[in-house]
C-alpha atoms as a PDB file:
ATOM      1  CA  UNK A   1     -13.749 -10.259 -21.572  1.00  0.00           C
ATOM      2  CA  UNK A   2     -17.292 -10.298 -22.713  1.00  0.00           C
ATOM      3  CA  UNK A   3     -19.978 -12.763 -21.696  1.00  0.00           C
ATOM      4  CA  UNK A   4     -23.517 -13.421 -22.764  1.00  0.00           C
ATOM      5  CA  UNK A   5     -25.195 -15.172 -19.847  1.00  0.00           C
ATOM      6  CA  UNK A   6     -28.416 -17.063 -20.369  1.00  0.00           C
ATOM      7  CA  UNK A   7     -30.514 -18.579 -17.612  1.00  0.00           C
ATOM      8  CA  UNK A   8     -31.487 -21.989 -18.945  1.00  0.00           C
ATOM      9  CA  UNK A   9     -33.656 -24.977 -18.106  1.00  0.00           C
ATOM     10  CA  UNK A  10     -31.167 -27.084 -20.034  1.00  0.00           C
ATOM     11  CA  UNK A  11     -28.398 -26.666 -22.585  1.00  0.00           C
ATOM     12  CA  UNK A  12     -25.979 -28.845 -24.490  1.00  0.00           C
ATOM     13  CA  UNK A  13     -23.048 -28.700 -26.889  1.00  0.00           C
ATOM     14  CA  UNK A  14     -22.737 -31.057 -29.840  1.00  0.00           C
ATOM     15  CA  UNK A  15     -19.534 -31.505 -31.847  1.00  0.00           C
ATOM     16  CA  UNK A  16     -19.420 -33.796 -34.910  1.00  0.00           C
ATOM     17  CA  UNK A  17     -22.890 -35.193 -34.090  1.00  0.00           C
ATOM     18  CA  UNK A  18     -21.788 -36.154 -30.571  1.00  0.00           C
ATOM     19  CA  UNK A  19     -23.142 -34.431 -27.472  1.00  0.00           C
ATOM     20  CA  UNK A  20     -20.022 -33.412 -25.543  1.00  0.00           C
ATOM     21  CA  UNK A  21     -21.477 -31.336 -22.712  1.00  0.00           C
ATOM     22  CA  UNK A  22     -24.919 -31.000 -21.188  1.00  0.00           C
ATOM     23  CA  UNK A  23     -26.452 -29.237 -18.209  1.00  0.00           C
ATOM     24  CA  UNK A  24     -29.796 -28.921 -16.508  1.00  0.00           C
ATOM     25  CA  UNK A  25     -31.053 -25.784 -14.774  1.00  0.00           C
ATOM     26  CA  UNK A  26     -28.370 -23.123 -14.567  1.00  0.00           C
ATOM     27  CA  UNK A  27     -26.306 -20.771 -16.698  1.00  0.00           C
ATOM     28  CA  UNK A  28     -25.081 -20.994 -20.268  1.00  0.00           C
ATOM     29  CA  UNK A  29     -22.157 -18.590 -20.628  1.00  0.00           C
ATOM     30  CA  UNK A  30     -20.880 -17.591 -24.052  1.00  0.00           C
ATOM     31  CA  UNK A  31     -17.397 -16.216 -23.335  1.00  0.00           C
ATOM     32  CA  UNK A  32     -15.319 -13.964 -25.581  1.00  0.00           C
ATOM     33  CA  UNK A  33     -11.722 -13.085 -24.775  1.00  0.00           C
ATOM     34  CA  UNK A  34     -10.456  -9.708 -25.959  1.00  0.00           C
ATOM     35  CA  UNK A  35      -6.829  -9.030 -26.839  1.00  0.00           C
ATOM     36  CA  UNK A  36      -5.165  -7.704 -23.698  1.00  0.00           C
ATOM     37  CA  UNK A  37      -7.538  -9.306 -21.181  1.00  0.00           C
ATOM     38  CA  UNK A  38      -5.814 -10.190 -17.916  1.00  0.00           C
ATOM     39  CA  UNK A  39      -6.325 -12.383 -14.874  1.00  0.00           C
ATOM     40  CA  UNK A  40      -8.057  -9.393 -13.280  1.00  0.00           C
ATOM     41  CA  UNK A  41     -10.713  -9.559 -16.017  1.00  0.00           C
ATOM     42  CA  UNK A  42     -11.132 -13.299 -15.383  1.00  0.00           C
ATOM     43  CA  UNK A  43     -11.537 -12.877 -11.618  1.00  0.00           C
ATOM     44  CA  UNK A  44     -13.892  -9.898 -11.928  1.00  0.00           C
ATOM     45  CA  UNK A  45     -16.137 -11.514 -14.544  1.00  0.00           C
ATOM     46  CA  UNK A  46     -16.321 -14.931 -12.870  1.00  0.00           C
ATOM     47  CA  UNK A  47     -17.092 -13.333  -9.513  1.00  0.00           C
ATOM     48  CA  UNK A  48     -19.765 -11.108 -11.017  1.00  0.00           C
ATOM     49  CA  UNK A  49     -21.470 -14.031 -12.734  1.00  0.00           C
ATOM     50  CA  UNK A  50     -21.411 -16.279  -9.659  1.00  0.00           C
ATOM     51  CA  UNK A  51     -22.905 -13.524  -7.465  1.00  0.00           C
ATOM     52  CA  UNK A  52     -25.601 -12.421  -9.967  1.00  0.00           C
ATOM     53  CA  UNK A  53     -29.055 -12.904  -8.491  1.00  0.00           C
ATOM     54  CA  UNK A  54     -31.053 -13.913 -11.558  1.00  0.00           C
ATOM     55  CA  UNK A  55     -32.902 -17.003 -10.310  1.00  0.00           C
ATOM     56  CA  UNK A  56     -36.342 -16.772  -8.713  1.00  0.00           C
ATOM     57  CA  UNK A  57     -36.899 -17.055  -4.984  1.00  0.00           C
ATOM     58  CA  UNK A  58     -40.046 -18.403  -3.308  1.00  0.00           C
ATOM     59  CA  UNK A  59     -41.843 -15.137  -4.243  1.00  0.00           C
ATOM     60  CA  UNK A  60     -40.812 -15.494  -7.909  1.00  0.00           C
ATOM     61  CA  UNK A  61     -38.423 -12.526  -7.678  1.00  0.00           C
ATOM     62  CA  UNK A  62     -34.939 -12.733  -9.193  1.00  0.00           C
ATOM     63  CA  UNK A  63     -33.154 -12.972  -5.867  1.00  0.00           C
ATOM     64  CA  UNK A  64     -30.951 -16.093  -5.933  1.00  0.00           C
ATOM     65  CA  UNK A  65     -27.565 -16.768  -7.496  1.00  0.00           C
ATOM     66  CA  UNK A  66     -26.259 -19.907  -9.183  1.00  0.00           C
ATOM     67  CA  UNK A  67     -24.843 -21.313  -5.944  1.00  0.00           C
ATOM     68  CA  UNK A  68     -28.080 -20.844  -4.011  1.00  0.00           C
ATOM     69  CA  UNK A  69     -30.006 -22.937  -6.531  1.00  0.00           C
ATOM     70  CA  UNK A  70     -27.124 -25.426  -6.930  1.00  0.00           C
ATOM     71  CA  UNK A  71     -27.372 -24.863 -10.668  1.00  0.00           C
ATOM     72  CA  UNK A  72     -25.173 -26.099 -13.468  1.00  0.00           C
ATOM     73  CA  UNK A  73     -22.827 -24.004 -15.607  1.00  0.00           C
ATOM     74  CA  UNK A  74     -21.902 -24.487 -19.264  1.00  0.00           C
ATOM     75  CA  UNK A  75     -19.179 -22.263 -20.743  1.00  0.00           C
ATOM     76  CA  UNK A  76     -18.756 -21.928 -24.511  1.00  0.00           C
ATOM     77  CA  UNK A  77     -15.927 -19.915 -26.085  1.00  0.00           C
ATOM     78  CA  UNK A  78     -17.173 -17.412 -28.652  1.00  0.00           C
ATOM     79  CA  UNK A  79     -14.760 -14.982 -30.297  1.00  0.00           C
ATOM     80  CA  UNK A  80     -17.638 -13.564 -32.366  1.00  0.00           C
ATOM     81  CA  UNK A  81     -18.756 -11.571 -29.305  1.00  0.00           C
ATOM     82  CA  UNK A  82     -16.062  -9.111 -30.411  1.00  0.00           C
ATOM     83  CA  UNK A  83     -17.419  -8.648 -33.928  1.00  0.00           C
ATOM     84  CA  UNK A  84     -16.870  -5.184 -35.374  1.00  0.00           C
ATOM     85  CA  UNK A  85     -19.691  -4.399 -37.807  1.00  0.00           C
ATOM     86  CA  UNK A  86     -19.001  -0.715 -38.394  1.00  0.00           C
ATOM     87  CA  UNK A  87     -17.617  -1.078 -41.937  1.00  0.00           C
ATOM     88  CA  UNK A  88     -19.000  -3.185 -44.737  1.00  0.00           C
ATOM     89  CA  UNK A  89     -21.094  -6.296 -44.395  1.00  0.00           C
ATOM     90  CA  UNK A  90     -18.495  -8.777 -43.185  1.00  0.00           C
ATOM     91  CA  UNK A  91     -17.697  -8.460 -39.488  1.00  0.00           C
ATOM     92  CA  UNK A  92     -14.062  -8.231 -38.461  1.00  0.00           C
ATOM     93  CA  UNK A  93     -12.756  -9.753 -35.261  1.00  0.00           C
ATOM     94  CA  UNK A  94      -9.512  -7.836 -34.701  1.00  0.00           C
ATOM     95  CA  UNK A  95     -10.442  -7.139 -31.060  1.00  0.00           C
ATOM     96  CA  UNK A  96     -10.763 -10.835 -30.239  1.00  0.00           C
ATOM     97  CA  UNK A  97      -7.674 -12.402 -28.683  1.00  0.00           C
ATOM     98  CA  UNK A  98      -5.700 -14.818 -30.841  1.00  0.00           C
ATOM     99  CA  UNK A  99      -5.762 -18.463 -29.673  1.00  0.00           C
ATOM    100  CA  UNK A 100      -2.343 -18.273 -27.968  1.00  0.00           C
ATOM    101  CA  UNK A 101      -3.756 -15.580 -25.683  1.00  0.00           C
ATOM    102  CA  UNK A 102      -7.426 -16.629 -25.603  1.00  0.00           C
ATOM    103  CA  UNK A 103      -7.013 -20.306 -24.696  1.00  0.00           C
ATOM    104  CA  UNK A 104      -5.139 -19.661 -21.414  1.00  0.00           C
ATOM    105  CA  UNK A 105      -7.725 -17.018 -20.385  1.00  0.00           C
ATOM    106  CA  UNK A 106     -10.610 -19.331 -21.280  1.00  0.00           C
ATOM    107  CA  UNK A 107      -9.061 -22.146 -19.230  1.00  0.00           C
ATOM    108  CA  UNK A 108      -8.345 -19.717 -16.382  1.00  0.00           C
ATOM    109  CA  UNK A 109     -12.016 -18.663 -16.455  1.00  0.00           C
ATOM    110  CA  UNK A 110     -13.114 -22.312 -16.190  1.00  0.00           C
ATOM    111  CA  UNK A 111     -10.778 -22.803 -13.213  1.00  0.00           C
ATOM    112  CA  UNK A 112     -12.003 -19.618 -11.510  1.00  0.00           C
ATOM    113  CA  UNK A 113     -15.640 -20.687 -11.933  1.00  0.00           C
ATOM    114  CA  UNK A 114     -14.780 -24.053 -10.377  1.00  0.00           C
ATOM    115  CA  UNK A 115     -12.907 -22.336  -7.542  1.00  0.00           C
ATOM    116  CA  UNK A 116     -15.847 -20.008  -6.804  1.00  0.00           C
ATOM    117  CA  UNK A 117     -18.617 -22.597  -7.057  1.00  0.00           C
ATOM    118  CA  UNK A 118     -16.873 -25.781  -5.956  1.00  0.00           C
ATOM    119  CA  UNK A 119     -18.213 -27.464  -9.092  1.00  0.00           C
ATOM    120  CA  UNK A 120     -16.506 -28.151 -12.405  1.00  0.00           C
ATOM    121  CA  UNK A 121     -18.324 -26.270 -15.173  1.00  0.00           C
ATOM    122  CA  UNK A 122     -19.301 -28.129 -18.316  1.00  0.00           C
ATOM    123  CA  UNK A 123     -17.719 -26.570 -21.385  1.00  0.00           C
ATOM    124  CA  UNK A 124     -17.401 -26.639 -25.117  1.00  0.00           C
ATOM    125  CA  UNK A 125     -14.171 -27.202 -27.020  1.00  0.00           C
ATOM    126  CA  UNK A 126     -12.188 -24.082 -27.855  1.00  0.00           C
ATOM    127  CA  UNK A 127     -12.285 -23.245 -31.601  1.00  0.00           C
ATOM    128  CA  UNK A 128     -14.431 -26.289 -32.452  1.00  0.00           C
ATOM    129  CA  UNK A 129     -17.447 -26.078 -34.739  1.00  0.00           C
ATOM    130  CA  UNK A 130     -20.100 -26.475 -32.041  1.00  0.00           C
ATOM    131  CA  UNK A 131     -23.851 -26.653 -32.123  1.00  0.00           C
ATOM    132  CA  UNK A 132     -25.353 -25.237 -28.945  1.00  0.00           C
ATOM    133  CA  UNK A 133     -28.928 -26.045 -27.994  1.00  0.00           C
ATOM    134  CA  UNK A 134     -30.678 -24.369 -25.102  1.00  0.00           C
ATOM    135  CA  UNK A 135     -33.977 -23.657 -23.487  1.00  0.00           C
ATOM    136  CA  UNK A 136     -33.745 -20.084 -22.259  1.00  0.00           C
ATOM    137  CA  UNK A 137     -35.607 -19.799 -18.957  1.00  0.00           C
ATOM    138  CA  UNK A 138     -37.525 -16.555 -18.617  1.00  0.00           C
ATOM    139  CA  UNK A 139     -36.088 -15.618 -21.056  1.00  0.00           C
ATOM    140  CA  UNK A 140     -33.180 -14.117 -19.164  1.00  0.00           C
ATOM    141  CA  UNK A 141     -30.169 -13.025 -21.227  1.00  0.00           C
ATOM    142  CA  UNK A 142     -27.518 -10.650 -19.869  1.00  0.00           C
ATOM    143  CA  UNK A 143     -24.463  -9.118 -21.548  1.00  0.00           C
ATOM    144  CA  UNK A 144     -21.435  -8.257 -19.401  1.00  0.00           C
ATOM    145  CA  UNK A 145     -18.171  -6.679 -20.551  1.00  0.00           C
ATOM    146  CA  UNK A 146     -15.350  -6.687 -17.999  1.00  0.00           C
ATOM    147  CA  UNK A 147     -13.552  -3.714 -19.566  1.00  0.00           C
ATOM    148  CA  UNK A 148     -16.619  -1.458 -19.558  1.00  0.00           C
ATOM    149  CA  UNK A 149     -17.690  -2.464 -16.064  1.00  0.00           C
ATOM    150  CA  UNK A 150     -14.223  -2.365 -14.497  1.00  0.00           C
ATOM    151  CA  UNK A 151     -13.633   1.119 -15.980  1.00  0.00           C
ATOM    152  CA  UNK A 152     -16.983   2.341 -14.662  1.00  0.00           C
ATOM    153  CA  UNK A 153     -16.296   0.937 -11.191  1.00  0.00           C
ATOM    154  CA  UNK A 154     -12.849   2.570 -10.999  1.00  0.00           C
ATOM    155  CA  UNK A 155     -14.217   5.935 -12.178  1.00  0.00           C
ATOM    156  CA  UNK A 156     -16.792   5.875  -9.369  1.00  0.00           C
ATOM    157  CA  UNK A 157     -14.008   5.206  -6.879  1.00  0.00           C
ATOM    158  CA  UNK A 158     -12.048   8.185  -8.225  1.00  0.00           C
ATOM    159  CA  UNK A 159     -14.959  10.561  -7.582  1.00  0.00           C
END
């Protein structure tokens, strides 16, 4: 799984000219599911995001996580995070999971975020044509890939 996490002042999703999800201060998470992702990827990524200390404390240092600020979460599915641009000018998306695999992982991620935070995350609609508006706070934008990070963590354990 791959996520682009943005610390936001506010964010919203609009589908067919109707605002379907909106949040205040918190995290906007663009989530891509890769073919072969498992529940382990879901648990690792959700846990990592919830524990990330990217909100300012009283000394204006990034020292607080989403739970400590009681922030909102908006999750938007985005298969284009797995774009392969190595050949030609049209990206291919062969690494992205097909809907029959991606939808259950996306829904599992939403459930895991709710389990970890005790709050239901706002979300877009899988495979819909969405317009996403946001005010990036900072700006703070972070890219996390569960496969790269989980591999790195296990290699350090093996040492």
